[in-house]
């Protein structure tokens, strides 16, 4: 009898943990050059995925990165300029950026380009739409 009651309690606890969904989203902002002025554009313009390591730890924040793209459209370097929180976002965000493929923008000549981009990582909203709104608001604040 005790075994059945314990098993029932465990099932209830497991079911309630599945009901608590945490939504996360990433907001990408092109600081310089703007997206319209860029020589190189991301080939796949979908929103970057939230890094699993950050989500598992419940970490939200922002990072500003300098990204150098060479004349062949290859990411040559990724440098963290600033982040909140410090020393946490750099590695997972750099991994996201490193996976991007670049395409030459229409009407542009191939050349090296230094980009300054901002990634905002937002967690904890009660819906995907709310997470997106929260992230747009966070992206309008300073990342320092």
N, C-alpha and C. Protein backbone atom coordinates (compact mmCIF):
# COMPACT_ATOMS: atom_id res chain seq x y z
N UNK A 1 0.82 -1.19 0.00
CA UNK A 1 0.00 0.00 0.00
C UNK A 1 0.87 1.27 0.00
N UNK A 2 1.91 1.26 0.87
CA UNK A 2 2.82 2.40 0.92
C UNK A 2 3.50 2.60 -0.44
N UNK A 3 3.86 1.50 -1.09
CA UNK A 3 4.52 1.54 -2.40
C UNK A 3 3.61 2.23 -3.43
N UNK A 4 2.31 1.87 -3.44
CA UNK A 4 1.38 2.48 -4.40
C UNK A 4 1.19 3.96 -4.13
N UNK A 5 1.11 4.35 -2.86
CA UNK A 5 0.94 5.75 -2.50
C UNK A 5 2.18 6.55 -2.91
N UNK A 6 3.36 5.98 -2.71
CA UNK A 6 4.60 6.66 -3.10
C UNK A 6 4.68 6.82 -4.61
N UNK A 7 4.32 5.78 -5.34
CA UNK A 7 4.34 5.82 -6.79
C UNK A 7 3.35 6.87 -7.31
N UNK A 8 2.16 6.92 -6.71
CA UNK A 8 1.16 7.91 -7.10
C UNK A 8 1.68 9.33 -6.86
N UNK A 9 2.32 9.58 -5.72
CA UNK A 9 2.88 10.89 -5.40
C UNK A 9 3.97 11.27 -6.40
N UNK A 10 4.81 10.31 -6.74
CA UNK A 10 5.88 10.55 -7.70
C UNK A 10 5.31 10.93 -9.06
N UNK A 11 4.25 10.25 -9.48
CA UNK A 11 3.60 10.57 -10.76
C UNK A 11 3.02 11.98 -10.76
N UNK A 12 2.39 12.37 -9.64
CA UNK A 12 1.84 13.72 -9.54
C UNK A 12 2.94 14.76 -9.61
N UNK A 13 4.04 14.54 -8.91
CA UNK A 13 5.16 15.48 -8.93
C UNK A 13 5.75 15.58 -10.33
N UNK A 14 5.88 14.46 -11.01
CA UNK A 14 6.42 14.46 -12.36
C UNK A 14 5.51 15.20 -13.31
N UNK A 15 4.21 15.00 -13.20
CA UNK A 15 3.26 15.67 -14.08
C UNK A 15 3.30 17.18 -13.86
N UNK A 16 3.43 17.62 -12.60
CA UNK A 16 3.44 19.05 -12.35
C UNK A 16 4.72 19.69 -12.87
N UNK A 17 5.83 18.95 -12.89
CA UNK A 17 7.06 19.54 -13.42
C UNK A 17 6.98 19.71 -14.93
N UNK A 18 6.23 18.87 -15.63
CA UNK A 18 6.06 19.02 -17.07
C UNK A 18 5.14 20.20 -17.39
N UNK A 19 4.26 20.55 -16.46
CA UNK A 19 3.32 21.63 -16.69
C UNK A 19 4.01 23.00 -16.65
N UNK A 20 5.13 23.11 -15.93
CA UNK A 20 5.85 24.37 -15.82
C UNK A 20 6.78 24.54 -17.02
N UNK A 21 6.30 25.23 -18.03
CA UNK A 21 7.10 25.46 -19.22
C UNK A 21 7.74 26.83 -19.12
N UNK A 22 9.02 26.88 -19.34
CA UNK A 22 9.74 28.14 -19.36
C UNK A 22 10.07 28.45 -20.81
N UNK A 23 9.67 29.62 -21.25
CA UNK A 23 9.90 30.02 -22.63
C UNK A 23 11.17 30.87 -22.69
N UNK A 24 11.94 30.66 -23.72
CA UNK A 24 13.15 31.45 -23.92
C UNK A 24 13.23 31.88 -25.37
N UNK A 25 13.84 33.02 -25.58
CA UNK A 25 14.01 33.52 -26.94
C UNK A 25 15.29 34.33 -27.01
N UNK A 26 15.73 34.57 -28.22
CA UNK A 26 16.94 35.34 -28.47
C UNK A 26 16.60 36.48 -29.41
N UNK A 27 17.05 37.67 -29.08
CA UNK A 27 16.86 38.84 -29.93
C UNK A 27 18.22 39.23 -30.50
N UNK A 28 18.32 39.34 -31.80
CA UNK A 28 19.56 39.72 -32.48
C UNK A 28 19.43 41.14 -32.98
N UNK A 29 20.40 41.99 -32.62
CA UNK A 29 20.41 43.38 -33.07
C UNK A 29 21.73 43.64 -33.79
N UNK A 30 21.66 44.15 -35.02
CA UNK A 30 22.85 44.54 -35.77
C UNK A 30 23.16 45.98 -35.37
N UNK A 31 24.26 46.18 -34.65
CA UNK A 31 24.61 47.53 -34.20
C UNK A 31 25.34 48.29 -35.30
N UNK A 32 26.48 47.76 -35.77
CA UNK A 32 27.20 48.36 -36.90
C UNK A 32 27.83 47.27 -37.73
N UNK A 33 27.80 47.34 -39.00
CA UNK A 33 26.85 48.15 -39.77
C UNK A 33 25.44 47.62 -39.54
N UNK A 34 24.45 48.43 -39.88
CA UNK A 34 23.08 47.95 -39.77
C UNK A 34 22.90 46.80 -40.75
N UNK A 35 21.86 46.04 -40.57
CA UNK A 35 21.61 44.91 -41.46
C UNK A 35 21.50 45.37 -42.91
N UNK A 36 20.86 46.50 -43.15
CA UNK A 36 20.68 47.01 -44.52
C UNK A 36 22.00 47.44 -45.15
N UNK A 37 22.98 47.87 -44.32
CA UNK A 37 24.26 48.35 -44.83
C UNK A 37 25.32 47.26 -44.92
N UNK A 38 25.05 46.08 -44.41
CA UNK A 38 26.05 45.01 -44.32
C UNK A 38 26.47 44.47 -45.68
N UNK A 39 27.76 44.15 -45.77
CA UNK A 39 28.28 43.45 -46.95
C UNK A 39 27.90 41.98 -46.86
N UNK A 40 28.02 41.42 -45.67
CA UNK A 40 27.71 40.00 -45.45
C UNK A 40 26.47 39.87 -44.59
N UNK A 41 25.55 39.02 -45.02
CA UNK A 41 24.31 38.75 -44.28
C UNK A 41 24.28 37.28 -43.91
N UNK A 42 23.65 37.00 -42.78
CA UNK A 42 23.51 35.59 -42.39
C UNK A 42 22.69 34.89 -43.45
N UNK A 43 23.16 33.73 -43.87
CA UNK A 43 22.46 32.97 -44.92
C UNK A 43 21.07 32.57 -44.46
N UNK A 44 20.96 32.10 -43.24
CA UNK A 44 19.69 31.66 -42.69
C UNK A 44 19.26 32.70 -41.67
N UNK A 45 18.25 33.48 -41.97
CA UNK A 45 17.85 34.61 -41.14
C UNK A 45 16.92 34.25 -39.98
N UNK A 46 16.86 32.98 -39.60
CA UNK A 46 16.02 32.62 -38.46
C UNK A 46 16.66 33.09 -37.16
N UNK A 47 15.86 33.23 -36.13
CA UNK A 47 16.34 33.66 -34.82
C UNK A 47 17.29 32.59 -34.29
N UNK A 48 18.44 33.02 -33.76
CA UNK A 48 19.36 32.04 -33.19
C UNK A 48 18.69 31.26 -32.06
N UNK A 49 19.10 30.02 -31.87
CA UNK A 49 18.55 29.19 -30.80
C UNK A 49 19.16 29.58 -29.46
N UNK A 50 18.37 29.47 -28.42
CA UNK A 50 18.84 29.74 -27.06
C UNK A 50 19.87 28.67 -26.70
N UNK A 51 21.07 29.06 -26.29
CA UNK A 51 22.07 28.04 -25.94
C UNK A 51 21.60 27.15 -24.80
N UNK A 52 21.67 25.85 -24.98
CA UNK A 52 21.18 24.88 -24.01
C UNK A 52 21.83 25.08 -22.64
N UNK A 53 23.13 25.36 -22.61
CA UNK A 53 23.82 25.53 -21.32
C UNK A 53 23.25 26.69 -20.53
N UNK A 54 22.89 27.77 -21.21
CA UNK A 54 22.30 28.92 -20.52
C UNK A 54 20.89 28.59 -20.04
N UNK A 55 20.10 27.96 -20.89
CA UNK A 55 18.72 27.62 -20.53
C UNK A 55 18.68 26.67 -19.34
N UNK A 56 19.54 25.67 -19.32
CA UNK A 56 19.56 24.70 -18.23
C UNK A 56 19.89 25.36 -16.91
N UNK A 57 20.70 26.41 -16.95
CA UNK A 57 21.08 27.11 -15.72
C UNK A 57 20.14 28.28 -15.41
N UNK A 58 19.16 28.52 -16.29
CA UNK A 58 18.21 29.61 -16.08
C UNK A 58 18.84 30.98 -16.24
N UNK A 59 19.83 31.10 -17.11
CA UNK A 59 20.56 32.35 -17.28
C UNK A 59 19.99 33.16 -18.45
N UNK A 60 19.66 34.40 -18.15
CA UNK A 60 19.23 35.36 -19.17
C UNK A 60 20.24 36.50 -19.15
N UNK A 61 20.32 37.25 -20.22
CA UNK A 61 21.25 38.37 -20.25
C UNK A 61 21.49 38.83 -21.67
N UNK A 62 22.60 39.55 -21.84
CA UNK A 62 22.92 40.07 -23.16
C UNK A 62 24.42 40.04 -23.38
N UNK A 63 24.79 40.09 -24.64
CA UNK A 63 26.20 40.14 -25.01
C UNK A 63 26.38 40.94 -26.28
N UNK A 64 27.43 41.75 -26.31
CA UNK A 64 27.78 42.50 -27.51
C UNK A 64 29.07 41.90 -28.03
N UNK A 65 29.06 41.55 -29.32
CA UNK A 65 30.18 40.84 -29.93
C UNK A 65 30.68 41.55 -31.17
N UNK A 66 32.01 41.53 -31.32
CA UNK A 66 32.63 42.00 -32.57
C UNK A 66 32.90 40.74 -33.38
N UNK A 67 32.37 40.71 -34.60
CA UNK A 67 32.51 39.55 -35.48
C UNK A 67 33.21 40.00 -36.75
N UNK A 68 34.32 39.33 -37.07
CA UNK A 68 35.05 39.64 -38.30
C UNK A 68 34.77 38.57 -39.33
N UNK A 69 34.26 39.02 -40.48
CA UNK A 69 33.97 38.13 -41.61
C UNK A 69 34.95 38.49 -42.72
N UNK A 70 35.66 37.49 -43.27
CA UNK A 70 36.64 37.78 -44.32
C UNK A 70 35.98 37.90 -45.69
N UNK A 71 36.78 38.19 -46.71
CA UNK A 71 36.28 38.43 -48.06
C UNK A 71 35.67 37.18 -48.70
N UNK A 72 35.89 36.01 -48.11
CA UNK A 72 35.28 34.78 -48.62
C UNK A 72 33.98 34.44 -47.87
N UNK A 73 33.61 35.27 -46.89
CA UNK A 73 32.38 35.02 -46.13
C UNK A 73 32.55 34.03 -44.99
N UNK A 74 33.77 33.95 -44.46
CA UNK A 74 34.06 33.04 -43.34
C UNK A 74 34.24 33.86 -42.08
N UNK A 75 33.66 33.41 -40.98
CA UNK A 75 33.85 34.07 -39.70
C UNK A 75 35.28 33.82 -39.25
N UNK A 76 36.05 34.88 -39.10
CA UNK A 76 37.46 34.76 -38.72
C UNK A 76 37.67 34.92 -37.22
N UNK A 77 36.88 35.79 -36.59
CA UNK A 77 37.05 35.96 -35.14
C UNK A 77 35.75 36.47 -34.53
N UNK A 78 35.58 36.12 -33.26
CA UNK A 78 34.44 36.56 -32.47
C UNK A 78 35.00 37.04 -31.14
N UNK A 79 34.77 38.30 -30.81
CA UNK A 79 35.31 38.88 -29.59
C UNK A 79 34.18 39.45 -28.75
N UNK A 80 34.13 39.10 -27.50
CA UNK A 80 33.13 39.67 -26.60
C UNK A 80 33.55 41.09 -26.24
N UNK A 81 32.65 42.05 -26.45
CA UNK A 81 32.90 43.44 -26.10
C UNK A 81 32.38 43.70 -24.69
N UNK A 82 31.17 43.20 -24.41
CA UNK A 82 30.56 43.38 -23.09
C UNK A 82 29.45 42.37 -22.92
N UNK A 83 29.17 41.97 -21.68
CA UNK A 83 28.05 41.07 -21.44
C UNK A 83 27.51 41.23 -20.02
N UNK A 84 26.27 40.85 -19.87
CA UNK A 84 25.61 40.77 -18.57
C UNK A 84 24.88 39.44 -18.55
N UNK A 85 25.17 38.55 -17.64
CA UNK A 85 26.22 38.61 -16.62
C UNK A 85 27.60 38.41 -17.24
N UNK A 86 28.60 38.82 -16.49
CA UNK A 86 29.99 38.71 -16.96
C UNK A 86 30.42 37.25 -16.98
N UNK A 87 31.28 36.91 -17.91
CA UNK A 87 31.95 35.60 -17.99
C UNK A 87 31.02 34.40 -18.06
N UNK A 88 29.80 34.57 -18.56
CA UNK A 88 28.87 33.44 -18.64
C UNK A 88 28.35 33.25 -20.06
N UNK A 89 28.09 34.33 -20.74
CA UNK A 89 27.43 34.28 -22.04
C UNK A 89 28.41 34.06 -23.19
N UNK A 90 29.67 34.42 -23.01
CA UNK A 90 30.62 34.43 -24.12
C UNK A 90 30.73 33.09 -24.85
N UNK A 91 31.01 32.00 -24.17
CA UNK A 91 31.23 30.73 -24.86
C UNK A 91 29.98 30.20 -25.57
N UNK A 92 28.82 30.13 -24.90
CA UNK A 92 27.65 29.63 -25.62
C UNK A 92 27.22 30.53 -26.78
N UNK A 93 27.33 31.84 -26.60
CA UNK A 93 26.94 32.76 -27.68
C UNK A 93 27.92 32.68 -28.84
N UNK A 94 29.20 32.59 -28.55
CA UNK A 94 30.21 32.47 -29.61
C UNK A 94 29.98 31.20 -30.41
N UNK A 95 29.55 30.14 -29.74
CA UNK A 95 29.25 28.88 -30.44
C UNK A 95 28.09 29.08 -31.42
N UNK A 96 27.08 29.84 -31.01
CA UNK A 96 25.94 30.15 -31.88
C UNK A 96 26.43 30.94 -33.10
N UNK A 97 27.21 31.98 -32.86
CA UNK A 97 27.69 32.86 -33.94
C UNK A 97 28.60 32.09 -34.89
N UNK A 98 29.47 31.27 -34.34
CA UNK A 98 30.42 30.53 -35.17
C UNK A 98 29.71 29.63 -36.19
N UNK A 99 28.52 29.17 -35.86
CA UNK A 99 27.76 28.30 -36.77
C UNK A 99 27.06 29.03 -37.91
N UNK A 100 27.08 30.35 -37.89
CA UNK A 100 26.41 31.11 -38.94
C UNK A 100 27.18 31.03 -40.25
N UNK A 101 26.43 30.96 -41.35
CA UNK A 101 27.03 31.02 -42.68
C UNK A 101 26.65 32.37 -43.28
N UNK A 102 27.60 32.95 -44.02
CA UNK A 102 27.41 34.30 -44.54
C UNK A 102 27.25 34.29 -46.05
N UNK A 103 26.37 35.15 -46.53
CA UNK A 103 26.10 35.32 -47.96
C UNK A 103 26.34 36.78 -48.31
N UNK A 104 26.94 36.99 -49.46
CA UNK A 104 27.20 38.35 -49.92
C UNK A 104 25.87 39.05 -50.20
N UNK A 105 25.71 40.24 -49.64
CA UNK A 105 24.48 41.01 -49.85
C UNK A 105 24.39 41.45 -51.31
N UNK A 106 23.18 41.53 -51.80
CA UNK A 106 22.96 41.92 -53.20
C UNK A 106 23.54 43.30 -53.48
N UNK A 107 24.30 43.38 -54.57
CA UNK A 107 24.88 44.66 -54.97
C UNK A 107 26.17 45.02 -54.25
N UNK A 108 26.68 44.15 -53.40
CA UNK A 108 27.89 44.44 -52.63
C UNK A 108 29.06 43.66 -53.22
N UNK A 109 30.26 44.20 -53.06
CA UNK A 109 31.50 43.52 -53.46
C UNK A 109 32.08 42.81 -52.25
N UNK A 110 32.64 41.64 -52.48
CA UNK A 110 33.23 40.86 -51.39
C UNK A 110 34.37 41.63 -50.76
N UNK A 111 34.34 41.75 -49.43
CA UNK A 111 35.37 42.45 -48.67
C UNK A 111 35.30 42.00 -47.22
N UNK A 112 36.38 42.23 -46.50
CA UNK A 112 36.37 41.95 -45.07
C UNK A 112 35.37 42.90 -44.41
N UNK A 113 34.69 42.40 -43.38
CA UNK A 113 33.73 43.26 -42.68
C UNK A 113 33.79 42.98 -41.18
N UNK A 114 33.84 44.06 -40.42
CA UNK A 114 33.77 43.94 -38.97
C UNK A 114 32.36 44.33 -38.55
N UNK A 115 31.71 43.41 -37.85
CA UNK A 115 30.33 43.63 -37.41
C UNK A 115 30.30 43.76 -35.90
N UNK A 116 29.40 44.57 -35.40
CA UNK A 116 29.13 44.66 -33.99
C UNK A 116 27.67 44.25 -33.82
N UNK A 117 27.47 43.11 -33.15
CA UNK A 117 26.11 42.60 -32.97
C UNK A 117 25.81 42.41 -31.49
N UNK A 118 24.54 42.41 -31.19
CA UNK A 118 24.09 42.21 -29.82
C UNK A 118 23.12 41.04 -29.81
N UNK A 119 23.33 40.15 -28.86
CA UNK A 119 22.41 39.03 -28.64
C UNK A 119 21.82 39.17 -27.25
N UNK A 120 20.50 39.18 -27.18
CA UNK A 120 19.80 39.20 -25.90
C UNK A 120 19.16 37.83 -25.68
N UNK A 121 19.40 37.25 -24.52
CA UNK A 121 18.85 35.94 -24.16
C UNK A 121 17.83 36.17 -23.06
N UNK A 122 16.57 35.83 -23.34
CA UNK A 122 15.49 36.12 -22.40
C UNK A 122 14.78 34.82 -22.01
N UNK A 123 14.48 34.69 -20.73
CA UNK A 123 13.82 33.50 -20.18
C UNK A 123 12.70 33.87 -19.25
N UNK A 124 11.81 32.92 -19.03
CA UNK A 124 10.87 33.01 -17.93
C UNK A 124 9.48 33.51 -18.22
N UNK A 125 9.17 33.81 -19.43
CA UNK A 125 7.84 34.31 -19.75
C UNK A 125 6.84 33.15 -19.75
N UNK A 126 5.57 33.48 -19.68
CA UNK A 126 4.54 32.44 -19.63
C UNK A 126 4.07 31.99 -21.01
N UNK A 127 4.54 32.66 -22.06
CA UNK A 127 4.22 32.23 -23.42
C UNK A 127 5.35 32.67 -24.35
N UNK A 128 5.36 32.11 -25.54
CA UNK A 128 6.40 32.48 -26.51
C UNK A 128 6.25 33.95 -26.91
N UNK A 129 5.02 34.40 -27.09
CA UNK A 129 4.77 35.79 -27.46
C UNK A 129 5.26 36.74 -26.36
N UNK A 130 5.00 36.39 -25.10
CA UNK A 130 5.45 37.22 -23.99
C UNK A 130 6.98 37.24 -23.91
N UNK A 131 7.62 36.10 -24.17
CA UNK A 131 9.08 36.04 -24.17
C UNK A 131 9.65 36.95 -25.25
N UNK A 132 9.03 36.96 -26.43
CA UNK A 132 9.48 37.83 -27.52
C UNK A 132 9.35 39.30 -27.16
N UNK A 133 8.23 39.68 -26.55
CA UNK A 133 8.02 41.07 -26.13
C UNK A 133 9.03 41.48 -25.06
N UNK A 134 9.24 40.58 -24.11
CA UNK A 134 10.19 40.83 -23.03
C UNK A 134 11.60 41.04 -23.61
N UNK A 135 11.95 40.24 -24.60
CA UNK A 135 13.28 40.33 -25.19
C UNK A 135 13.46 41.62 -25.99
N UNK A 136 12.43 42.06 -26.69
CA UNK A 136 12.51 43.32 -27.43
C UNK A 136 12.72 44.48 -26.45
N UNK A 137 12.05 44.43 -25.32
CA UNK A 137 12.22 45.47 -24.30
C UNK A 137 13.63 45.42 -23.73
N UNK A 138 14.13 44.22 -23.42
CA UNK A 138 15.48 44.08 -22.87
C UNK A 138 16.52 44.60 -23.85
N UNK A 139 16.30 44.35 -25.15
CA UNK A 139 17.26 44.77 -26.18
C UNK A 139 17.34 46.29 -26.30
N UNK A 140 16.35 47.00 -25.81
CA UNK A 140 16.37 48.46 -25.87
C UNK A 140 17.14 49.07 -24.69
N UNK A 141 17.51 48.25 -23.73
CA UNK A 141 18.26 48.74 -22.56
C UNK A 141 19.77 48.53 -22.78
N UNK A 142 20.56 49.20 -21.98
CA UNK A 142 22.02 49.06 -22.08
C UNK A 142 22.45 47.65 -21.68
N UNK A 143 23.48 47.16 -22.34
CA UNK A 143 24.05 45.85 -22.02
C UNK A 143 25.40 46.09 -21.36
N UNK A 144 25.36 46.55 -20.13
CA UNK A 144 26.60 46.84 -19.40
C UNK A 144 26.49 46.53 -17.95
